[in-house]
Amino acid sequence: MKLKQLLKQAINHPWIKQYIMIGYAAKGTVYLFIGILAIQAALISNRQASGTYLALTFLTRQPFGKFFVCLLAVALGGYVLRRLFQTILTPGETNPWSLKCIFQRLGYLMSGLSYAGVASSAFNIVIELGEDDDMIEDLTNQLFDQALGEWLILLGGIAVITIGIGYVYGAYTGSYISDFQKRDIDRELEKWATRIGKLGVTSRGIAFILIGVLLIEAAIAGNSELAGGLENALSVIATKPMGWLWLSLIGLGMICYGLYMYVATIYRRYAVR
């Protein structure tokens, strides 16, 4: 109980609030450049669609890029902190150990660990430590060596597809769109932020669905090379008929999500209550 009280006091500290909201901007920046590079890959034949790792690598090659990526990694810690707070506090729940709440906590925790991994990758790229490893492909490869590994990969693919469908549905209903501070945000800006937010969340959902489909294909074919993260999913879709168009649309959605996160950084209601 004391821990929760301390955390509740901490999240109301102005500096903590600002750090968490800066984390939103950092997350938006990552998606913005993933989208830009996806469109670039769709329009230029010798360019490769980029996931998080290649997007960060691209940024380090720009003027003052390494310094910028370091700042980005530090800023992402704010978003990780927000997710960890939510994992422990789970605001708005009367029964913190209900099944719904447990899944919600797990979702917050996985999200926090995921972006902690992005921050870690950013630092590794800056200090040139190691090569790009696709965590999903590596995990799939390890699971193939286990009993019932194919079934676990298949179930994992179904779970990822379910998450993706949840994002698409959340975009349609607006439940995945932030509540903005009505007294601060211009009504026209709020309207457009909501629209691009829905497009962005839909694009993320489609990306999850693609990753899940590839996991299922890997499980059926017994080939871990078919599995992979966002970069793999974008590379595969680029090879399909009209792939340049689908890649462009997903890239545009990622850009929309990045821009939406910038608006959310300034105007959304505080993320952790």
Protein backbone atom coordinates (compact mmCIF):
# COMPACT_ATOMS: atom_id res chain seq x y z
CA MET A 1 0.00 0.00 0.00
CA LYS A 2 2.84 2.35 0.82
CA LEU A 3 4.37 1.71 -2.62
CA LYS A 4 1.15 2.71 -4.34
CA GLN A 5 0.89 5.87 -2.29
CA LEU A 6 4.47 6.81 -3.16
CA LEU A 7 3.82 6.15 -6.84
CA LYS A 8 0.66 8.23 -6.81
CA GLN A 9 2.62 11.10 -5.30
CA ALA A 10 5.40 10.63 -7.85
CA ILE A 11 3.15 10.73 -10.91
CA ASN A 12 1.70 14.05 -9.79
CA HIS A 13 5.12 15.68 -9.68
CA PRO A 14 5.32 18.28 -12.52
CA TRP A 15 8.67 16.99 -13.78
CA ILE A 16 7.43 13.39 -13.91
CA LYS A 17 4.33 14.54 -15.79
CA GLN A 18 6.44 16.43 -18.32
CA TYR A 19 8.83 13.49 -18.76
CA ILE A 20 5.94 11.12 -19.41
CA MET A 21 4.38 13.45 -21.97
CA ILE A 22 7.76 13.91 -23.70
CA GLY A 23 7.74 10.13 -24.03
CA TYR A 24 4.68 10.47 -26.23
CA ALA A 25 6.57 12.78 -28.57
CA ALA A 26 9.49 10.33 -28.71
CA LYS A 27 7.18 7.49 -29.60
CA GLY A 28 5.55 9.67 -32.25
CA THR A 29 8.96 10.47 -33.74
CA VAL A 30 9.79 6.78 -34.16
CA TYR A 31 6.52 6.12 -35.99
CA LEU A 32 6.88 9.28 -38.07
CA PHE A 33 10.19 8.12 -39.53
CA ILE A 34 9.02 4.53 -39.96
CA GLY A 35 6.17 5.95 -42.07
CA ILE A 36 8.43 8.28 -44.07
CA LEU A 37 10.85 5.46 -44.87
CA ALA A 38 7.98 3.12 -45.79
CA ILE A 39 6.68 5.61 -48.35
CA GLN A 40 10.22 6.16 -49.60
CA ALA A 41 10.62 2.38 -50.05
CA ALA A 42 7.30 2.22 -51.91
CA LEU A 43 8.33 4.91 -54.39
CA ILE A 44 12.04 4.12 -54.81
CA SER A 45 12.74 0.59 -56.02
CA ASN A 46 16.15 0.08 -54.35
CA ARG A 47 15.02 1.24 -50.90
CA GLN A 48 14.07 -1.20 -48.14
CA ALA A 49 11.03 -0.78 -45.90
CA SER A 50 12.20 -0.02 -42.38
CA GLY A 51 11.10 -1.16 -38.98
CA THR A 52 12.17 0.49 -35.76
CA TYR A 53 15.83 -0.56 -35.96
CA LEU A 54 16.45 0.71 -39.49
CA ALA A 55 14.52 3.90 -38.80
CA LEU A 56 16.80 4.61 -35.82
CA THR A 57 19.85 3.70 -37.91
CA PHE A 58 18.70 6.15 -40.58
CA LEU A 59 18.42 8.90 -37.96
CA THR A 60 21.94 8.31 -36.64
CA ARG A 61 23.31 8.93 -40.16
CA GLN A 62 21.88 12.44 -40.27
CA PRO A 63 23.75 15.54 -39.04
CA PHE A 64 23.90 15.36 -35.22
CA GLY A 65 21.97 12.08 -35.64
CA LYS A 66 23.67 10.14 -32.86
CA PHE A 67 23.03 12.93 -30.39
CA PHE A 68 19.38 13.10 -31.49
CA VAL A 69 18.91 9.33 -31.17
CA CYS A 70 20.41 9.43 -27.66
CA LEU A 71 17.90 12.11 -26.70
CA LEU A 72 15.15 10.01 -28.28
CA ALA A 73 16.18 6.97 -26.23
CA VAL A 74 16.15 8.98 -23.00
CA ALA A 75 12.77 10.50 -23.89
CA LEU A 76 11.28 7.06 -24.61
CA GLY A 77 11.98 6.29 -20.96
CA GLY A 78 9.08 8.61 -20.15
CA TYR A 79 6.69 6.43 -22.10
CA VAL A 80 8.13 3.30 -20.47
CA LEU A 81 7.65 4.92 -17.07
CA ARG A 82 4.04 5.69 -17.89
CA ARG A 83 3.38 2.05 -18.78
CA LEU A 84 5.06 0.80 -15.61
CA PHE A 85 2.96 3.17 -13.51
CA GLN A 86 -0.15 1.88 -15.25
CA THR A 87 0.93 -1.73 -14.71
CA ILE A 88 1.13 -1.16 -10.96
CA LEU A 89 -1.70 1.30 -10.41
CA THR A 90 -4.21 0.31 -13.13
CA PRO A 91 -6.32 3.48 -12.71
CA GLY A 92 -10.09 3.34 -12.78
CA GLU A 93 -10.39 -0.31 -11.71
CA THR A 94 -12.34 -1.23 -8.57
CA ASN A 95 -11.11 -4.83 -8.67
CA PRO A 96 -7.38 -4.80 -9.55
CA TRP A 97 -7.25 -8.62 -9.80
CA SER A 98 -10.19 -9.19 -12.11
CA LEU A 99 -9.42 -11.11 -15.33
CA LYS A 100 -9.92 -7.96 -17.40
CA CYS A 101 -7.56 -6.01 -15.15
CA ILE A 102 -4.89 -8.72 -15.23
CA PHE A 103 -4.88 -8.72 -19.06
CA GLN A 104 -4.80 -4.93 -19.01
CA ARG A 105 -1.78 -4.97 -16.68
CA LEU A 106 -0.02 -7.51 -18.88
CA GLY A 107 -0.69 -5.31 -21.90
CA TYR A 108 0.79 -2.28 -20.14
CA LEU A 109 3.81 -4.29 -19.03
CA MET A 110 4.47 -5.73 -22.51
CA SER A 111 4.13 -2.27 -24.04
CA GLY A 112 6.58 -0.83 -21.51
CA LEU A 113 9.11 -3.61 -22.11
CA SER A 114 8.72 -3.20 -25.86
CA TYR A 115 9.62 0.50 -25.79
CA ALA A 116 12.37 -0.15 -23.28
CA GLY A 117 13.75 -2.47 -25.96
CA VAL A 118 13.47 0.32 -28.54
CA ALA A 119 15.39 2.67 -26.24
CA SER A 120 18.04 0.00 -25.67
CA SER A 121 18.36 -0.56 -29.43
CA ALA A 122 18.78 3.18 -29.93
CA PHE A 123 21.72 3.28 -27.50
CA ASN A 124 23.24 0.15 -29.10
CA ILE A 125 23.05 1.75 -32.55
CA VAL A 126 24.73 4.94 -31.31
CA ILE A 127 27.66 3.07 -29.75
CA GLU A 128 27.68 0.62 -32.68
CA LEU A 129 27.15 -2.41 -30.48
CA GLY A 130 25.78 -5.44 -32.30
CA GLU A 131 23.67 -5.94 -35.41
CA ASP A 132 19.93 -5.86 -36.03
CA ASP A 133 18.25 -8.88 -34.49
CA ASP A 134 14.60 -9.56 -35.17
CA MET A 135 13.33 -10.60 -31.75
CA ILE A 136 10.21 -12.24 -33.18
CA GLU A 137 12.20 -14.31 -35.69
CA ASP A 138 14.72 -15.31 -33.00
CA LEU A 139 11.96 -16.31 -30.58
CA THR A 140 10.18 -18.27 -33.31
CA ASN A 141 13.40 -20.09 -34.12
CA GLN A 142 13.83 -21.06 -30.47
CA LEU A 143 10.23 -22.23 -30.17
CA PHE A 144 10.67 -24.59 -33.13
CA ASP A 145 13.18 -26.50 -30.99
CA GLN A 146 10.61 -26.99 -28.22
CA ALA A 147 7.85 -29.56 -27.90
CA LEU A 148 4.63 -28.21 -29.40
CA GLY A 149 6.63 -25.22 -30.63
CA GLU A 150 4.65 -24.95 -33.87
CA TRP A 151 1.40 -24.79 -31.92
CA LEU A 152 2.78 -22.10 -29.61
CA ILE A 153 3.84 -20.04 -32.64
CA LEU A 154 0.41 -20.58 -34.19
CA LEU A 155 -1.31 -19.41 -30.99
CA GLY A 156 1.07 -16.45 -30.83
CA GLY A 157 0.10 -15.49 -34.38
CA ILE A 158 -3.60 -15.67 -33.52
CA ALA A 159 -2.97 -13.53 -30.41
CA VAL A 160 -1.12 -10.88 -32.44
CA ILE A 161 -3.90 -10.83 -35.04
CA THR A 162 -6.43 -10.40 -32.22
CA ILE A 163 -4.45 -7.42 -30.89
CA GLY A 164 -4.39 -5.95 -34.39
CA ILE A 165 -8.14 -6.37 -34.80
CA GLY A 166 -8.54 -4.71 -31.39
CA TYR A 167 -6.57 -1.69 -32.64
CA VAL A 168 -8.67 -1.43 -35.79
CA TYR A 169 -11.90 -1.72 -33.79
CA GLY A 170 -10.59 0.76 -31.21
CA ALA A 171 -9.87 3.22 -34.02
CA TYR A 172 -13.35 2.73 -35.47
CA THR A 173 -15.09 3.30 -32.13
CA GLY A 174 -12.66 6.01 -31.02
CA SER A 175 -11.87 4.17 -27.79
CA TYR A 176 -8.14 4.14 -28.62
CA ILE A 177 -8.07 7.89 -29.20
CA SER A 178 -6.93 10.16 -26.38
CA ASP A 179 -9.25 12.51 -24.55
CA PHE A 180 -7.94 16.03 -25.09
CA GLN A 181 -8.15 18.91 -22.67
CA LYS A 182 -11.24 20.63 -24.10
CA ARG A 183 -10.44 24.04 -22.67
CA ASP A 184 -6.95 24.10 -24.20
CA ILE A 185 -7.24 22.58 -27.66
CA ASP A 186 -8.79 24.33 -30.64
CA ARG A 187 -11.94 22.50 -31.78
CA GLU A 188 -10.73 22.25 -35.39
CA LEU A 189 -7.35 20.87 -34.27
CA GLU A 190 -9.10 18.33 -32.05
CA LYS A 191 -11.25 17.20 -34.97
CA TRP A 192 -8.26 16.70 -37.27
CA ALA A 193 -6.15 15.11 -34.53
CA THR A 194 -8.92 12.60 -33.91
CA ARG A 195 -9.13 11.80 -37.62
CA ILE A 196 -5.41 11.27 -38.12
CA GLY A 197 -5.28 9.39 -34.82
CA LYS A 198 -7.87 6.93 -36.09
CA LEU A 199 -5.93 6.48 -39.33
CA GLY A 200 -2.73 5.95 -37.38
CA VAL A 201 -4.19 3.43 -34.94
CA THR A 202 -5.79 1.57 -37.87
CA SER A 203 -2.40 1.41 -39.59
CA ARG A 204 -0.81 -0.01 -36.44
CA GLY A 205 -3.59 -2.57 -36.23
CA ILE A 206 -3.03 -3.65 -39.83
CA ALA A 207 0.70 -3.99 -39.13
CA PHE A 208 -0.07 -6.26 -36.15
CA ILE A 209 -2.41 -8.35 -38.29
CA LEU A 210 0.30 -8.77 -40.95
CA ILE A 211 2.86 -9.81 -38.32
CA GLY A 212 0.36 -12.33 -36.91
CA VAL A 213 -0.42 -13.78 -40.36
CA LEU A 214 3.29 -14.26 -41.02
CA LEU A 215 3.68 -16.03 -37.67
CA ILE A 216 0.90 -18.43 -38.63
CA GLU A 217 2.52 -19.01 -42.03
CA ALA A 218 5.85 -19.70 -40.27
CA ALA A 219 4.16 -22.21 -37.94
CA ILE A 220 2.46 -24.03 -40.82
CA ALA A 221 5.57 -24.06 -43.03
CA GLY A 222 7.95 -24.83 -40.16
CA ASN A 223 10.16 -21.96 -41.27
CA SER A 224 11.20 -19.31 -38.75
CA GLU A 225 12.48 -17.02 -41.53
CA LEU A 226 8.88 -16.26 -42.50
CA ALA A 227 8.26 -14.75 -39.07
CA GLY A 228 9.41 -11.32 -38.03
CA GLY A 229 8.49 -7.89 -36.77
CA LEU A 230 7.31 -4.73 -38.49
CA GLU A 231 10.24 -4.52 -40.90
CA ASN A 232 9.60 -8.07 -42.10
CA ALA A 233 5.86 -7.43 -42.50
CA LEU A 234 6.45 -4.26 -44.55
CA SER A 235 9.05 -6.00 -46.71
CA VAL A 236 6.63 -8.86 -47.45
CA ILE A 237 3.73 -6.60 -48.34
CA ALA A 238 5.99 -4.65 -50.70
CA THR A 239 6.43 -7.81 -52.80
CA LYS A 240 2.69 -8.37 -53.26
CA PRO A 241 0.62 -7.14 -56.23
CA MET A 242 0.14 -3.37 -55.84
CA GLY A 243 2.57 -3.65 -52.94
CA TRP A 244 3.83 -0.10 -53.44
CA LEU A 245 0.30 1.19 -52.88
CA TRP A 246 -0.32 -0.84 -49.70
CA LEU A 247 3.11 0.08 -48.37
CA SER A 248 2.43 3.76 -49.07
CA LEU A 249 -0.94 3.61 -47.29
CA ILE A 250 0.55 1.91 -44.23
CA GLY A 251 3.42 4.42 -44.26
CA LEU A 252 0.95 7.30 -44.45
CA GLY A 253 -0.92 5.80 -41.51
CA MET A 254 2.30 5.59 -39.49
CA ILE A 255 3.01 9.25 -40.25
CA CYS A 256 -0.53 10.11 -39.12
CA TYR A 257 0.07 8.22 -35.89
CA GLY A 258 3.32 10.09 -35.29
CA LEU A 259 1.65 13.47 -35.85
CA TYR A 260 -1.26 12.46 -33.62
CA MET A 261 1.20 11.58 -30.84
CA TYR A 262 2.67 15.09 -31.10
CA VAL A 263 -0.78 16.60 -30.57
CA ALA A 264 -1.38 14.16 -27.71
CA THR A 265 1.90 15.26 -26.11
CA ILE A 266 0.59 18.82 -25.75
CA TYR A 267 -3.15 18.47 -25.32
CA ARG A 268 -4.12 15.03 -24.03
CA ARG A 269 -5.41 14.52 -20.51
CA TYR A 270 -2.66 13.35 -18.20
CA ALA A 271 -1.85 9.74 -19.06
CA VAL A 272 -1.68 8.32 -15.53
CA ARG A 273 -4.32 9.35 -13.03
